[in-house]
C-alpha atoms as a PDB file:
ATOM      1  CA  MET A   1      93.401 130.013 111.774  1.00  0.00           C
ATOM      2  CA  SER A   2      92.245 126.914 113.622  1.00  0.00           C
ATOM      3  CA  GLY A   3      94.793 124.428 112.283  1.00  0.00           C
ATOM      4  CA  ALA A   4      92.057 122.067 111.044  1.00  0.00           C
ATOM      5  CA  PRO A   5      92.760 120.384 107.718  1.00  0.00           C
ATOM      6  CA  ALA A   6      91.258 122.161 104.727  1.00  0.00           C
ATOM      7  CA  GLY A   7      88.242 120.484 103.218  1.00  0.00           C
ATOM      8  CA  ILE A   8      86.736 119.103 106.432  1.00  0.00           C
ATOM      9  CA  ASP A   9      83.640 121.029 107.443  1.00  0.00           C
ATOM     10  CA  TRP A  10      83.568 120.033 111.111  1.00  0.00           C
ATOM     11  CA  PRO A  11      80.595 122.228 112.056  1.00  0.00           C
ATOM     12  CA  ALA A  12      78.477 120.644 109.300  1.00  0.00           C
ATOM     13  CA  LEU A  13      79.578 117.123 110.274  1.00  0.00           C
ATOM     14  CA  MET A  14      78.807 117.819 113.922  1.00  0.00           C
ATOM     15  CA  ARG A  15      75.358 119.206 113.037  1.00  0.00           C
ATOM     16  CA  ALA A  16      74.636 116.127 110.908  1.00  0.00           C
ATOM     17  CA  GLY A  17      75.807 113.736 113.614  1.00  0.00           C
ATOM     18  CA  ILE A  18      74.538 115.447 116.736  1.00  0.00           C
ATOM     19  CA  ARG A  19      71.395 117.194 115.514  1.00  0.00           C
ATOM     20  CA  GLY A  20      70.551 115.041 112.513  1.00  0.00           C
ATOM     21  CA  LEU A  21      71.386 111.586 113.873  1.00  0.00           C
ATOM     22  CA  GLY A  22      70.805 112.377 117.540  1.00  0.00           C
ATOM     23  CA  LEU A  23      74.287 111.290 118.629  1.00  0.00           C
ATOM     24  CA  ARG A  24      75.744 112.543 121.889  1.00  0.00           C
ATOM     25  CA  PRO A  25      79.063 114.406 121.449  1.00  0.00           C
ATOM     26  CA  ALA A  26      81.063 111.495 122.904  1.00  0.00           C
ATOM     27  CA  GLU A  27      79.357 109.104 120.480  1.00  0.00           C
ATOM     28  CA  PHE A  28      80.094 111.428 117.554  1.00  0.00           C
ATOM     29  CA  TRP A  29      83.794 111.742 118.401  1.00  0.00           C
ATOM     30  CA  ALA A  30      84.119 107.991 118.982  1.00  0.00           C
ATOM     31  CA  LEU A  31      83.076 107.231 115.389  1.00  0.00           C
ATOM     32  CA  THR A  32      85.566 106.534 112.650  1.00  0.00           C
ATOM     33  CA  PRO A  33      85.136 108.522 109.423  1.00  0.00           C
ATOM     34  CA  ALA A  34      83.892 105.345 107.702  1.00  0.00           C
ATOM     35  CA  GLU A  35      81.260 104.798 110.403  1.00  0.00           C
ATOM     36  CA  LEU A  36      80.092 108.399 110.151  1.00  0.00           C
ATOM     37  CA  ASP A  37      79.842 108.116 106.364  1.00  0.00           C
ATOM     38  CA  LEU A  38      77.787 104.945 106.748  1.00  0.00           C
ATOM     39  CA  LEU A  39      75.432 106.573 109.263  1.00  0.00           C
ATOM     40  CA  LEU A  40      75.020 109.596 106.992  1.00  0.00           C
ATOM     41  CA  GLY A  41      74.062 107.329 104.091  1.00  0.00           C
ATOM     42  CA  LYS A  42      77.149 107.822 101.964  1.00  0.00           C
ATOM     43  CA  PRO A  43      77.994 104.831  99.786  1.00  0.00           C
ATOM     44  CA  ALA A  44      80.649 102.586 101.297  1.00  0.00           C
ATOM     45  CA  GLY A  45      83.646 101.196  99.513  1.00  0.00           C
ATOM     46  CA  VAL A  46      85.493 102.129  96.381  1.00  0.00           C
ATOM     47  CA  ALA A  47      83.743 103.006  93.159  1.00  0.00           C
ATOM     48  CA  PRO A  48      83.762 100.174  90.629  1.00  0.00           C
ATOM     49  CA  LEU A  49      86.451 100.107  87.973  1.00  0.00           C
ATOM     50  CA  ARG A  50      85.077 101.609  84.760  1.00  0.00           C
ATOM     51  CA  ARG A  51      86.010 100.375  81.293  1.00  0.00           C
ATOM     52  CA  SER A  52      87.953 103.569  80.477  1.00  0.00           C
ATOM     53  CA  ARG A  53      90.128 103.162  83.592  1.00  0.00           C
ATOM     54  CA  LEU A  54      90.685  99.466  82.853  1.00  0.00           C
ATOM     55  CA  GLU A  55      91.797 100.313  79.314  1.00  0.00           C
ATOM     56  CA  ALA A  56      94.159 102.983  80.650  1.00  0.00           C
ATOM     57  CA  LEU A  57      95.684 100.471  83.101  1.00  0.00           C
ATOM     58  CA  LEU A  58      96.068  97.875  80.338  1.00  0.00           C
ATOM     59  CA  ALA A  59      97.842 100.447  78.170  1.00  0.00           C
ATOM     60  CA  ASP A  60     100.156 101.441  81.042  1.00  0.00           C
ATOM     61  CA  TYR A  61     100.842  97.868  82.174  1.00  0.00           C
ATOM     62  CA  PRO A  62     100.452  95.482  79.236  1.00  0.00           C
ATOM     63  CA  ASP A  63     100.563  91.749  79.972  1.00  0.00           C
ATOM     64  CA  ASP A  64     102.772  91.072  76.961  1.00  0.00           C
ATOM     65  CA  ASN A  65     106.139  92.775  77.326  1.00  0.00           C
ATOM     66  CA  GLY A  66     107.643  91.128  74.252  1.00  0.00           C
ATOM     67  CA  GLU A  67     109.328  88.323  76.189  1.00  0.00           C
ATOM     68  CA  THR A  68     106.493  85.804  75.923  1.00  0.00           C
ATOM     69  CA  SER A  69     106.405  83.399  72.985  1.00  0.00           C
ATOM     70  CA  TYR A  70     103.510  81.034  72.368  1.00  0.00           C
ATOM     71  CA  GLU A  71     105.139  79.092  69.522  1.00  0.00           C
END
């Protein structure tokens, strides 16, 4: 057991960075995960909020808690 976190395929990431992108090992290890994702062409940022998730949030956290009166 190597002690590496599960789910991170380091050999594949190293092949993509060093062989695929032509990075030197020091350049590869100096990258942040976000920079590596960007270089590998993965979309940056958070996925947009979809209508179903917005509706779920509105149901969980309604604006009107019964204390507001518009009369």
